N, C-alpha and C. Protein backbone atom coordinates (compact mmCIF):
# COMPACT_ATOMS: atom_id res chain seq x y z
N MET A 1 1.00 -1.30 0.28
CA MET A 1 0.29 0.01 0.05
C MET A 1 0.70 1.05 -0.23
N PRO A 2 0.79 2.25 -1.10
CA PRO A 2 1.75 3.54 -0.93
C PRO A 2 1.44 4.34 0.19
N VAL A 3 1.92 4.54 0.97
CA VAL A 3 1.23 5.94 2.31
C VAL A 3 2.50 6.82 1.83
N ASP A 4 1.83 7.95 2.73
CA ASP A 4 3.11 9.42 2.62
C ASP A 4 4.21 8.69 3.19
N ALA A 5 5.28 9.39 3.36
CA ALA A 5 6.39 9.00 3.29
C ALA A 5 6.54 9.12 4.64
N ARG A 6 5.89 10.01 5.17
CA ARG A 6 5.45 10.19 6.64
C ARG A 6 5.35 9.24 7.78
N SER A 7 4.43 8.18 6.85
CA SER A 7 3.42 7.17 7.67
C SER A 7 4.19 5.81 7.58
N THR A 8 4.10 5.01 8.19
CA THR A 8 4.38 3.93 8.20
C THR A 8 3.06 2.70 8.34
N LEU A 9 3.36 1.29 7.42
CA LEU A 9 1.76 0.72 8.00
C LEU A 9 3.33 -0.58 7.87
N THR A 10 3.06 -1.21 9.12
CA THR A 10 3.65 -2.40 9.23
C THR A 10 2.61 -3.52 9.69
N LEU A 11 2.90 -4.97 8.97
CA LEU A 11 2.30 -6.05 8.98
C LEU A 11 2.55 -6.83 10.26
N HIS A 12 1.73 -7.24 10.95
CA HIS A 12 1.99 -8.56 11.93
C HIS A 12 1.88 -9.45 12.05
N VAL A 13 2.26 -11.03 12.20
CA VAL A 13 1.78 -12.34 12.45
C VAL A 13 1.60 -12.11 13.87
N SER A 14 0.91 -12.09 14.65
CA SER A 14 0.78 -12.39 16.15
C SER A 14 -0.41 -12.08 16.79
N PRO A 15 -0.75 -12.92 17.62
CA PRO A 15 -2.21 -12.46 18.18
C PRO A 15 -2.08 -10.94 18.76
N ILE A 16 -3.35 -10.36 18.50
CA ILE A 16 -3.21 -9.11 18.91
C ILE A 16 -2.77 -8.55 20.63
N GLU A 17 -3.14 -9.37 21.48
CA GLU A 17 -3.13 -9.21 22.84
C GLU A 17 -1.15 -8.97 22.92
N LEU A 18 -0.27 -9.84 22.16
CA LEU A 18 0.91 -9.93 22.70
C LEU A 18 1.72 -8.73 22.18
N LEU A 19 0.82 -7.72 21.37
CA LEU A 19 1.62 -6.89 20.83
C LEU A 19 2.31 -5.71 21.40
N ARG A 20 3.14 -5.19 21.84
CA ARG A 20 3.95 -4.14 22.53
C ARG A 20 4.11 -3.04 21.67
N ASP A 21 3.94 -1.41 23.04
CA ASP A 21 4.30 -0.13 22.49
C ASP A 21 3.18 0.15 21.27
N ILE A 22 1.93 -0.23 21.29
CA ILE A 22 1.39 0.35 19.74
C ILE A 22 -0.03 1.05 20.73
N GLU A 23 0.05 1.99 20.77
CA GLU A 23 -1.07 2.93 21.56
C GLU A 23 -2.58 2.52 21.50
N VAL A 24 -3.15 2.32 20.33
CA VAL A 24 -4.42 1.81 19.86
C VAL A 24 -4.83 0.47 19.52
N LEU A 25 -5.27 -0.10 19.91
CA LEU A 25 -5.61 -1.30 19.48
C LEU A 25 -7.22 -1.92 19.18
N VAL A 26 -7.29 -1.96 18.15
CA VAL A 26 -8.73 -1.90 17.67
C VAL A 26 -9.33 -3.34 17.83
N SER A 27 -10.83 -3.34 18.59
CA SER A 27 -11.19 -4.97 18.77
C SER A 27 -12.37 -4.74 17.35
N SER A 28 -12.64 -5.74 16.93
CA SER A 28 -13.57 -6.15 16.14
C SER A 28 -15.13 -6.52 17.02
N GLU A 29 -16.72 -6.09 17.26
CA GLU A 29 -17.56 -6.28 18.24
C GLU A 29 -18.60 -6.26 17.39
N ASN A 30 -19.51 -6.91 17.79
CA ASN A 30 -21.24 -6.91 17.22
C ASN A 30 -22.00 -5.73 17.62
N VAL A 31 -23.38 -5.29 16.99
CA VAL A 31 -23.60 -3.85 17.32
C VAL A 31 -24.06 -3.78 18.90
N TYR A 32 -24.29 -4.99 19.80
CA TYR A 32 -24.90 -5.10 20.87
C TYR A 32 -23.56 -4.43 21.53
N LEU A 33 -22.43 -4.44 21.36
CA LEU A 33 -21.60 -4.01 22.37
C LEU A 33 -20.89 -5.04 23.22
N GLU A 34 -21.14 -6.32 23.13
CA GLU A 34 -21.49 -7.59 24.08
C GLU A 34 -19.90 -8.31 23.32
N MET A 35 -19.26 -8.03 24.38
CA MET A 35 -17.60 -8.63 24.17
C MET A 35 -17.91 -10.30 24.07
N SER A 36 -16.91 -10.84 22.66
CA SER A 36 -16.85 -12.48 23.43
C SER A 36 -16.47 -13.11 24.31
N LYS A 37 -16.40 -13.98 24.63
CA LYS A 37 -16.40 -15.03 25.79
C LYS A 37 -14.92 -14.65 25.97
N THR A 38 -14.35 -14.77 27.09
CA THR A 38 -12.52 -14.71 27.31
C THR A 38 -12.38 -15.90 26.88
N PHE A 39 -12.88 -17.50 26.75
CA PHE A 39 -12.51 -18.39 26.05
C PHE A 39 -12.40 -18.58 24.98
N ARG A 40 -13.33 -17.61 24.06
CA ARG A 40 -13.36 -17.85 22.44
C ARG A 40 -11.93 -16.96 22.17
N PRO A 41 -11.65 -18.07 20.31
CA PRO A 41 -10.62 -17.47 19.97
C PRO A 41 -11.16 -16.77 19.16
N THR A 42 -11.42 -15.12 19.26
CA THR A 42 -11.72 -14.45 18.46
C THR A 42 -10.79 -12.75 19.48
N VAL A 43 -10.57 -12.16 18.29
CA VAL A 43 -9.78 -10.73 18.74
C VAL A 43 -10.54 -10.38 20.12
N SER A 44 -11.99 -10.08 19.83
CA SER A 44 -12.75 -9.45 21.28
C SER A 44 -12.45 -10.52 22.10
N GLY A 45 -12.74 -11.56 22.24
CA GLY A 45 -12.00 -12.49 23.57
C GLY A 45 -10.66 -12.38 24.20
N ALA A 46 -9.83 -12.06 23.30
CA ALA A 46 -8.28 -12.04 23.46
C ALA A 46 -8.38 -11.09 24.07
N LEU A 47 -8.87 -9.62 24.00
CA LEU A 47 -8.42 -8.72 24.42
C LEU A 47 -9.27 -8.45 25.89
N ARG A 48 -9.99 -9.00 25.42
CA ARG A 48 -11.44 -8.82 27.05
C ARG A 48 -10.50 -9.55 28.28
N LEU A 49 -9.80 -10.86 27.65
CA LEU A 49 -9.23 -11.63 28.62
C LEU A 49 -7.65 -10.87 29.28
N ALA A 50 -6.77 -10.31 27.47
CA ALA A 50 -5.72 -9.52 28.14
C ALA A 50 -5.72 -8.60 28.75
N ALA A 51 -6.86 -7.88 28.83
CA ALA A 51 -6.72 -6.45 29.63
C ALA A 51 -7.67 -6.80 31.35
N ALA A 52 -7.74 -7.96 31.61
CA ALA A 52 -8.59 -7.93 32.95
C ALA A 52 -7.75 -7.73 33.93
N VAL A 53 -8.06 -7.33 34.97
CA VAL A 53 -7.01 -7.19 36.02
C VAL A 53 -7.87 -8.70 37.05
N ARG A 54 -6.38 -9.08 37.60
CA ARG A 54 -6.55 -10.52 37.98
C ARG A 54 -6.16 -10.12 39.79
N ASP A 55 -6.43 -10.99 40.45
CA ASP A 55 -5.74 -10.68 41.78
C ASP A 55 -4.36 -12.09 41.68
N PRO A 56 -3.80 -12.02 42.88
CA PRO A 56 -2.55 -12.76 42.99
C PRO A 56 -3.08 -14.42 42.89
N ALA A 57 -3.71 -14.94 42.77
CA ALA A 57 -4.44 -15.92 42.55
C ALA A 57 -4.25 -16.17 40.91
N GLY A 58 -5.07 -15.19 39.86
CA GLY A 58 -4.93 -15.16 39.12
C GLY A 58 -6.94 -15.53 38.07
N GLU A 59 -7.08 -15.26 39.77
CA GLU A 59 -9.21 -14.88 39.24
C GLU A 59 -8.93 -13.32 38.11
N ILE A 60 -10.07 -13.11 37.81
CA ILE A 60 -10.25 -11.77 37.16
C ILE A 60 -11.21 -10.97 38.39
N VAL A 61 -10.68 -10.34 38.50
CA VAL A 61 -11.43 -9.10 39.79
C VAL A 61 -12.02 -8.14 38.93
N ASP A 62 -11.66 -7.61 37.98
CA ASP A 62 -12.29 -6.93 37.17
C ASP A 62 -12.21 -6.80 35.66
N ASP A 63 -13.67 -7.00 35.40
CA ASP A 63 -13.58 -7.32 33.07
C ASP A 63 -13.64 -6.01 32.95
N VAL A 64 -12.44 -5.38 32.69
CA VAL A 64 -12.65 -4.08 32.55
C VAL A 64 -13.05 -3.78 31.32
N LEU A 65 -12.77 -4.70 30.01
CA LEU A 65 -13.80 -3.80 28.75
C LEU A 65 -14.73 -3.53 28.83
N ALA A 66 -15.24 -5.36 29.13
CA ALA A 66 -17.12 -5.49 29.49
C ALA A 66 -17.62 -4.20 30.32
N ARG A 67 -16.97 -4.69 31.63
CA ARG A 67 -17.72 -3.46 32.11
C ARG A 67 -17.56 -1.71 31.39
N GLU A 68 -16.51 -1.54 30.98
CA GLU A 68 -16.69 0.36 30.42
C GLU A 68 -17.52 0.28 29.03
N LEU A 69 -17.51 -0.78 28.65
CA LEU A 69 -18.34 -0.86 27.15
C LEU A 69 -20.02 -0.72 27.99
N ALA A 70 -20.33 -1.95 28.78
CA ALA A 70 -21.35 -1.63 29.98
C ALA A 70 -22.24 -0.27 30.28
N ALA A 71 -21.46 0.31 30.62
CA ALA A 71 -21.39 1.74 31.53
C ALA A 71 -21.82 2.86 29.74
N TRP A 72 -20.71 2.83 29.08
CA TRP A 72 -21.16 3.61 27.50
C TRP A 72 -22.22 3.24 27.11
N LEU A 73 -22.82 2.24 27.36
CA LEU A 73 -24.33 1.60 26.87
C LEU A 73 -25.31 2.01 27.41
N ARG A 74 -25.49 2.01 29.00
CA ARG A 74 -26.13 2.71 30.19
C ARG A 74 -26.00 4.08 29.81
N ALA A 75 -24.97 4.84 29.50
CA ALA A 75 -24.92 6.33 29.34
C ALA A 75 -25.60 6.94 28.04
N HIS A 76 -25.36 5.78 27.08
CA HIS A 76 -25.80 6.40 25.99
C HIS A 76 -27.44 5.71 25.81
N GLY A 77 -28.14 5.46 26.44
CA GLY A 77 -29.38 4.89 26.41
C GLY A 77 -29.41 3.55 25.44
N ARG A 78 -28.57 2.69 25.51
CA ARG A 78 -28.82 1.71 24.38
C ARG A 78 -28.34 0.23 25.15
N PRO A 79 -28.75 -0.24 26.21
CA PRO A 79 -28.70 -1.52 26.69
C PRO A 79 -29.46 -2.78 25.91
N GLY A 80 -29.12 -3.30 25.57
CA GLY A 80 -29.90 -4.22 24.88
C GLY A 80 -30.09 -3.95 24.00
N LEU A 81 -29.95 -2.51 23.29
CA LEU A 81 -30.37 -2.22 21.56
C LEU A 81 -29.21 -2.42 21.09
N PRO A 82 -29.04 -2.29 19.40
CA PRO A 82 -27.98 -2.13 18.44
C PRO A 82 -27.58 -1.14 18.40
N ILE A 83 -26.85 -0.39 18.04
CA ILE A 83 -25.73 0.58 17.45
C ILE A 83 -25.42 0.43 16.14
N ARG A 84 -25.59 2.02 15.42
CA ARG A 84 -25.35 1.38 14.12
C ARG A 84 -24.05 0.86 14.07
N PRO A 85 -24.12 0.05 12.50
CA PRO A 85 -22.76 -0.71 12.35
C PRO A 85 -21.51 0.42 11.87
N GLY A 86 -20.61 0.48 12.26
CA GLY A 86 -19.34 1.22 11.83
C GLY A 86 -19.27 1.96 13.04
N THR A 87 -19.82 2.27 14.48
CA THR A 87 -19.89 2.91 15.17
C THR A 87 -18.50 2.80 15.98
N VAL A 88 -17.57 3.06 16.86
CA VAL A 88 -16.51 3.35 17.89
C VAL A 88 -16.35 3.35 18.63
N VAL A 89 -16.52 2.83 19.51
CA VAL A 89 -16.09 2.86 21.63
C VAL A 89 -15.21 2.98 22.25
N PRO A 90 -14.40 3.80 22.59
CA PRO A 90 -13.60 3.76 23.51
C PRO A 90 -13.02 2.88 25.02
N THR A 91 -12.19 2.70 24.82
CA THR A 91 -12.15 1.87 26.44
C THR A 91 -10.96 2.17 26.74
N SER A 92 -10.78 2.25 28.34
CA SER A 92 -9.45 1.96 28.53
C SER A 92 -8.77 0.74 29.12
N PRO A 93 -7.62 0.45 28.26
CA PRO A 93 -6.65 -0.97 28.00
C PRO A 93 -6.65 -1.82 29.35
N GLY A 94 -7.13 -1.25 30.10
CA GLY A 94 -7.24 -2.53 31.17
C GLY A 94 -5.27 -2.80 31.43
N ALA A 95 -4.95 -3.72 31.94
CA ALA A 95 -4.45 -4.49 32.30
C ALA A 95 -2.87 -4.36 31.14
N LEU A 96 -3.89 -4.46 29.72
CA LEU A 96 -2.76 -3.90 28.39
C LEU A 96 -1.81 -2.49 28.59
N ALA A 97 -2.24 -1.84 29.83
CA ALA A 97 -1.35 -0.77 29.82
C ALA A 97 0.15 -1.13 30.19
N ALA A 98 0.17 -2.27 30.82
CA ALA A 98 1.30 -2.75 30.97
C ALA A 98 2.60 -3.27 29.90
N ARG A 99 1.88 -3.39 28.78
CA ARG A 99 2.52 -3.54 27.62
C ARG A 99 2.47 -2.22 26.27
N GLY A 100 2.06 -1.13 26.94
CA GLY A 100 2.42 0.17 26.16
C GLY A 100 0.74 0.50 25.37
N VAL A 101 -0.35 0.13 25.64
CA VAL A 101 -1.28 0.15 24.94
C VAL A 101 -2.21 1.24 25.88
N ARG A 102 -2.43 2.34 25.32
CA ARG A 102 -3.15 3.11 25.89
C ARG A 102 -5.13 3.37 25.58
N ARG A 103 -5.57 3.09 24.64
CA ARG A 103 -6.64 2.59 24.52
C ARG A 103 -7.16 1.14 23.89
N ILE A 104 -8.18 0.76 23.92
CA ILE A 104 -8.88 0.21 22.85
C ILE A 104 -10.22 0.51 22.15
N TYR A 105 -10.08 0.50 20.88
CA TYR A 105 -11.17 1.15 20.08
C TYR A 105 -12.22 0.11 19.84
N HIS A 106 -13.37 -0.11 20.29
CA HIS A 106 -14.23 -0.77 20.04
C HIS A 106 -14.75 -0.87 18.60
N ALA A 107 -14.60 -1.31 17.52
CA ALA A 107 -15.35 -1.01 16.34
C ALA A 107 -16.73 -2.32 16.04
N ALA A 108 -17.85 -1.67 16.18
CA ALA A 108 -19.42 -2.37 16.29
C ALA A 108 -19.47 -2.72 14.71
N VAL A 109 -19.07 -4.06 14.26
CA VAL A 109 -19.16 -4.09 12.81
C VAL A 109 -19.55 -5.24 12.22
N ALA A 110 -20.08 -6.23 13.30
CA ALA A 110 -20.74 -7.80 13.08
C ALA A 110 -22.49 -7.56 13.79
N THR A 111 -23.67 -7.79 12.89
CA THR A 111 -24.86 -7.71 13.08
C THR A 111 -25.05 -9.32 13.37
N PRO A 112 -26.21 -9.40 14.31
CA PRO A 112 -26.30 -10.78 15.08
C PRO A 112 -27.45 -11.63 13.95
N LEU A 113 -26.94 -12.38 13.24
CA LEU A 113 -27.98 -13.13 11.81
C LEU A 113 -28.41 -14.30 12.40
N ASP A 114 -28.99 -15.32 12.82
CA ASP A 114 -29.57 -16.54 13.42
C ASP A 114 -27.93 -16.82 14.01
N ASP A 115 -27.64 -17.37 13.56
CA ASP A 115 -26.51 -18.25 14.26
C ASP A 115 -25.24 -17.69 14.46
N THR A 116 -25.13 -16.98 13.48
CA THR A 116 -23.96 -16.23 12.92
C THR A 116 -23.90 -14.57 12.60
N TYR A 117 -23.16 -14.35 12.27
CA TYR A 117 -23.00 -12.99 12.15
C TYR A 117 -23.03 -12.19 10.83
N GLU A 118 -23.61 -10.92 10.02
CA GLU A 118 -22.82 -10.39 8.60
C GLU A 118 -22.35 -9.11 9.00
N VAL A 119 -21.52 -8.59 8.37
CA VAL A 119 -20.64 -7.70 8.01
C VAL A 119 -20.52 -7.14 6.77
N ARG A 120 -21.07 -5.96 6.73
CA ARG A 120 -21.05 -5.69 5.56
C ARG A 120 -19.46 -4.87 5.28
N PRO A 121 -18.93 -4.92 4.04
CA PRO A 121 -18.17 -4.46 3.94
C PRO A 121 -17.84 -2.87 4.02
N GLU A 122 -19.21 -2.27 3.87
CA GLU A 122 -18.46 -0.82 4.07
C GLU A 122 -18.88 -0.59 5.40
N SER A 123 -19.14 -1.25 6.10
CA SER A 123 -19.13 -0.78 7.70
C SER A 123 -17.61 -0.49 8.43
N ILE A 124 -16.68 -1.63 7.77
CA ILE A 124 -14.88 -1.63 8.11
C ILE A 124 -14.94 -0.46 7.72
N ALA A 125 -14.75 0.05 6.35
CA ALA A 125 -14.82 1.45 6.25
C ALA A 125 -14.82 2.71 6.98
N ARG A 126 -16.92 2.46 7.06
CA ARG A 126 -16.97 3.28 8.19
C ARG A 126 -16.40 3.50 9.27
N ALA A 127 -16.53 2.26 10.19
CA ALA A 127 -15.52 1.76 11.31
C ALA A 127 -14.03 2.26 10.86
N VAL A 128 -13.29 2.03 10.16
CA VAL A 128 -11.67 2.93 10.23
C VAL A 128 -11.97 4.18 10.36
N GLY A 129 -13.03 5.16 9.35
CA GLY A 129 -12.87 6.34 9.51
C GLY A 129 -13.20 6.95 11.02
N ALA A 130 -13.79 6.22 11.50
CA ALA A 130 -14.15 7.06 12.55
C ALA A 130 -13.10 6.26 14.19
N CYS A 131 -12.18 5.41 13.98
CA CYS A 131 -11.26 5.21 14.91
C CYS A 131 -10.32 6.75 14.32
N PHE A 132 -10.02 6.79 13.31
CA PHE A 132 -9.15 7.60 12.93
C PHE A 132 -9.89 8.76 13.61
N ALA A 133 -11.01 9.46 13.67
CA ALA A 133 -11.78 10.71 13.85
C ALA A 133 -11.53 10.52 15.36
N LEU A 134 -11.62 9.52 16.23
CA LEU A 134 -11.29 9.73 17.67
C LEU A 134 -10.01 9.17 17.74
N ALA A 135 -9.13 8.84 16.81
CA ALA A 135 -7.73 9.23 17.57
C ALA A 135 -7.36 10.55 17.52
N ARG A 136 -7.57 11.30 16.77
CA ARG A 136 -7.39 12.56 16.38
C ARG A 136 -7.82 13.34 17.80
N ALA A 137 -9.05 13.23 17.61
CA ALA A 137 -9.73 13.94 18.88
C ALA A 137 -8.98 13.27 20.43
N GLU A 138 -8.50 12.62 20.26
CA GLU A 138 -8.06 11.82 21.55
C GLU A 138 -6.75 12.24 21.64
N ARG A 139 -5.98 12.73 20.67
CA ARG A 139 -4.41 12.77 20.62
C ARG A 139 -3.66 13.49 21.53
N ALA A 140 -4.32 14.84 21.51
CA ALA A 140 -3.52 15.39 22.69
C ALA A 140 -4.19 15.36 23.78
N ARG A 141 -4.53 14.55 24.08
CA ARG A 141 -4.61 14.28 25.71
C ARG A 141 -3.23 13.40 26.42
N TYR A 142 -2.82 13.17 25.27
CA TYR A 142 -1.83 12.39 25.99
C TYR A 142 -0.21 12.82 25.84
N GLU A 143 0.63 12.43 26.72
CA GLU A 143 1.66 12.81 26.25
C GLU A 143 2.99 11.92 26.80
N PRO A 144 3.96 11.27 25.01
CA PRO A 144 3.81 11.89 24.19
C PRO A 144 1.59 11.51 23.36
N ALA A 145 1.67 12.45 22.17
CA ALA A 145 0.51 12.20 21.78
C ALA A 145 0.46 11.35 20.84
N LEU A 146 -1.13 10.08 20.99
CA LEU A 146 -1.08 9.43 20.08
C LEU A 146 -0.24 9.18 18.49
N SER A 147 -0.25 8.28 18.20
CA SER A 147 0.80 8.23 17.01
C SER A 147 0.45 7.14 16.63
N SER A 148 -0.01 6.00 17.07
CA SER A 148 -0.12 4.33 16.66
C SER A 148 -1.02 3.84 16.78
N ILE A 149 -1.85 2.98 15.87
CA ILE A 149 -2.95 2.10 15.85
C ILE A 149 -2.64 1.03 14.88
N CYS A 150 -3.84 0.00 15.03
CA CYS A 150 -3.24 -1.22 14.66
C CYS A 150 -5.26 -2.37 15.10
N PHE A 151 -5.14 -2.47 13.71
CA PHE A 151 -6.74 -3.24 12.81
C PHE A 151 -6.08 -4.68 13.20
N PRO A 152 -7.02 -5.77 13.37
CA PRO A 152 -7.26 -6.71 12.34
C PRO A 152 -8.28 -6.64 11.55
N LEU A 153 -7.97 -8.17 11.01
CA LEU A 153 -8.84 -7.90 9.77
C LEU A 153 -10.95 -8.51 10.16
N LEU A 154 -10.76 -6.81 10.37
CA LEU A 154 -12.51 -6.80 10.48
C LEU A 154 -13.29 -7.67 10.18
N GLY A 155 -14.34 -8.37 10.97
CA GLY A 155 -15.33 -8.89 10.18
C GLY A 155 -14.54 -10.30 9.43
N ALA A 156 -13.49 -10.65 9.42
CA ALA A 156 -12.90 -12.43 8.70
C ALA A 156 -13.23 -13.12 9.70
N GLY A 157 -13.36 -12.97 11.15
CA GLY A 157 -13.13 -14.19 11.68
C GLY A 157 -15.05 -14.36 11.23
N ARG A 158 -16.05 -14.37 12.80
CA ARG A 158 -17.18 -14.86 12.78
C ARG A 158 -18.05 -14.16 11.86
N GLY A 159 -17.78 -13.16 11.14
CA GLY A 159 -18.12 -12.19 10.40
C GLY A 159 -18.64 -12.20 8.94
N GLY A 160 -17.22 -12.98 8.99
CA GLY A 160 -18.30 -14.30 7.40
C GLY A 160 -17.22 -13.61 6.19
N LEU A 161 -16.51 -12.41 6.74
CA LEU A 161 -15.60 -11.81 5.49
C LEU A 161 -14.88 -13.10 5.03
N THR A 162 -14.04 -13.04 3.89
CA THR A 162 -12.78 -13.10 3.32
C THR A 162 -11.61 -12.50 4.03
N PRO A 163 -10.46 -13.22 4.73
CA PRO A 163 -9.27 -12.17 5.23
C PRO A 163 -9.07 -10.92 4.09
N ALA A 164 -9.14 -11.81 2.77
CA ALA A 164 -8.97 -10.57 1.07
C ALA A 164 -10.01 -9.62 1.47
N VAL A 165 -11.59 -10.16 1.32
CA VAL A 165 -12.06 -8.92 1.58
C VAL A 165 -12.26 -7.84 2.22
N SER A 166 -11.60 -8.42 3.55
CA SER A 166 -11.43 -7.69 4.78
C SER A 166 -10.34 -6.74 4.71
N ALA A 167 -9.07 -6.94 4.18
CA ALA A 167 -7.90 -6.34 3.64
C ALA A 167 -8.20 -5.42 2.79
N THR A 168 -9.15 -5.84 2.00
CA THR A 168 -9.00 -4.77 0.55
C THR A 168 -9.71 -3.58 1.43
N TRP A 169 -11.11 -3.50 2.13
CA TRP A 169 -11.87 -2.69 2.65
C TRP A 169 -11.00 -1.88 3.51
N LEU A 170 -9.89 -2.23 4.20
CA LEU A 170 -9.21 -1.90 5.47
C LEU A 170 -8.16 -1.01 4.37
N ARG A 171 -7.71 -1.66 3.51
CA ARG A 171 -6.58 -0.78 2.80
C ARG A 171 -7.07 0.18 2.30
N TRP A 172 -8.37 0.57 1.35
CA TRP A 172 -8.67 1.96 0.80
C TRP A 172 -8.87 2.45 1.97
N ALA A 173 -9.89 2.21 3.26
CA ALA A 173 -10.20 3.35 4.30
C ALA A 173 -8.94 3.86 4.73
N ILE A 174 -8.12 2.95 5.02
CA ILE A 174 -6.71 3.69 5.63
C ILE A 174 -5.77 4.29 4.49
N ARG A 175 -5.75 4.24 3.74
CA ARG A 175 -5.26 4.92 2.47
C ARG A 175 -6.05 5.99 2.62
N ASP A 176 -7.31 6.15 2.40
CA ASP A 176 -7.97 7.14 2.46
C ASP A 176 -7.83 8.46 4.19
N GLU A 177 -7.47 7.57 4.58
CA GLU A 177 -7.20 8.92 5.68
C GLU A 177 -5.74 8.95 6.49
N LEU A 178 -5.13 7.91 5.82
CA LEU A 178 -3.37 8.80 5.48
C LEU A 178 -3.08 9.76 4.90
N ALA A 179 -4.10 9.63 3.76
CA ALA A 179 -4.49 11.08 2.40
C ALA A 179 -4.30 12.45 3.40
N ARG A 180 -5.40 12.22 4.55
CA ARG A 180 -5.70 13.46 5.14
C ARG A 180 -4.35 13.66 6.47
N ASP A 181 -4.23 12.82 6.98
CA ASP A 181 -3.17 12.80 7.70
C ASP A 181 -2.30 11.94 8.19
N ALA A 182 -0.78 12.26 8.08
CA ALA A 182 -0.28 11.27 7.26
C ALA A 182 0.74 10.78 8.61
N ARG A 183 0.45 11.33 10.44
CA ARG A 183 1.26 11.19 11.24
C ARG A 183 1.13 9.69 11.96
N TRP A 184 0.43 8.96 11.40
CA TRP A 184 0.24 7.79 12.01
C TRP A 184 0.81 6.52 11.45
N ARG A 185 0.70 6.30 12.92
CA ARG A 185 2.12 5.03 12.07
C ARG A 185 0.81 3.70 12.23
N VAL A 186 0.55 3.21 11.54
CA VAL A 186 -0.70 2.24 11.09
C VAL A 186 -0.31 0.60 11.29
N HIS A 187 -0.77 -0.18 11.93
CA HIS A 187 0.01 -1.34 12.02
C HIS A 187 -1.69 -2.53 11.77
N LEU A 188 -0.98 -3.52 10.80
CA LEU A 188 -2.11 -4.52 10.85
C LEU A 188 -2.26 -5.68 11.36
N VAL A 189 -2.99 -6.97 12.28
CA VAL A 189 -2.02 -8.01 12.60
C VAL A 189 -3.56 -8.99 12.17
N VAL A 190 -2.66 -10.30 11.97
CA VAL A 190 -2.95 -11.72 11.62
C VAL A 190 -2.50 -12.40 12.60
N ARG A 191 -3.27 -14.09 12.19
CA ARG A 191 -3.02 -14.72 13.03
C ARG A 191 -1.61 -15.64 12.78
N SER A 192 -2.16 -16.08 11.17
CA SER A 192 -0.90 -16.90 10.51
C SER A 192 -0.30 -16.29 9.48
N ARG A 193 1.00 -16.65 9.10
CA ARG A 193 1.27 -16.31 7.62
C ARG A 193 0.81 -16.71 6.64
N GLU A 194 -0.03 -17.66 6.47
CA GLU A 194 -0.64 -18.21 5.19
C GLU A 194 -1.69 -16.91 4.70
N ILE A 195 -2.11 -15.91 6.00
CA ILE A 195 -3.01 -14.73 6.23
C ILE A 195 -2.39 -13.46 5.67
N ALA A 196 -0.99 -13.93 6.26
CA ALA A 196 -0.41 -12.36 6.17
C ALA A 196 0.68 -12.16 4.39
N GLU A 197 0.85 -13.71 3.93
CA GLU A 197 1.19 -13.86 2.43
C GLU A 197 -0.08 -13.03 1.61
N ALA A 198 -1.38 -13.83 1.84
CA ALA A 198 -2.27 -13.20 1.00
C ALA A 198 -2.73 -11.80 1.23
N VAL A 199 -2.57 -11.26 2.33
CA VAL A 199 -2.74 -9.86 2.82
C VAL A 199 -1.47 -9.18 1.87
N GLY A 200 -0.64 -9.57 2.17
CA GLY A 200 0.36 -8.57 1.57
C GLY A 200 0.82 -8.47 0.36
N ALA A 201 -0.19 -9.52 -0.75
CA ALA A 201 0.10 -9.54 -2.05
C ALA A 201 -1.02 -8.75 -2.70
N LEU A 202 -2.21 -8.20 -1.89
CA LEU A 202 -3.07 -7.06 -2.46
C LEU A 202 -2.43 -5.75 -2.83
C-alpha cells in the first residue's frame, strides 16, 4: 500500500494481545457491544481476557473492557439495543497498559444473524474512519501524543468475510485516512503466515 513518506504501515503475524507499544488496539465487536467470551479464539475475547485485572491467585477481579462498554451503553441509553454498524467506542486498556497500550477502540461491525454474524464491507470503512476521527480527537490528551493504531482483519472471523475482502476494505479506508493525516503509524495484525502472505499480495 503506497503511503506518505511520513507514515508507516506494519504487518504483524501475532495474537493481537501480545503486541507491545502500539497505543491504540482496535477490537471487532457486534452491534450490541457484547464482547466475546474470554475463552473464545477471537480478537474480542483475547483482548477482553488480556485487559482483565487479576488477583494474586490469577482470578479475574475486574472485567475492564466489558464493564466500560456496559457503562457506555447505559450512558447512551442503549442497553440491549443495537448501535449503528461502524460505530466505534473507546475504553481504557486495562491490564494491557503494561504492554504500552493506551486505548482500546471497539468497532461495532458485526450484526447477529441467526447463529452467525453479518458484516457489510462498507461498515469496515465506516469503522476505520471513526477510529481515526476518535484518535485525532484524543491525540492531544496524552503525552507523548497518540501516534499508532493497530487493526485486525475486521469481520474476517465469525463475521464471514474472507481475509482478502476485509484487507481490501481496510486498505482503501486506511489509505484515505493517511492521505488526510500521514502522522499515524498504522499496524495490521493477522494470526497466520498464510493470511499475511495473502494480505501482503493485495
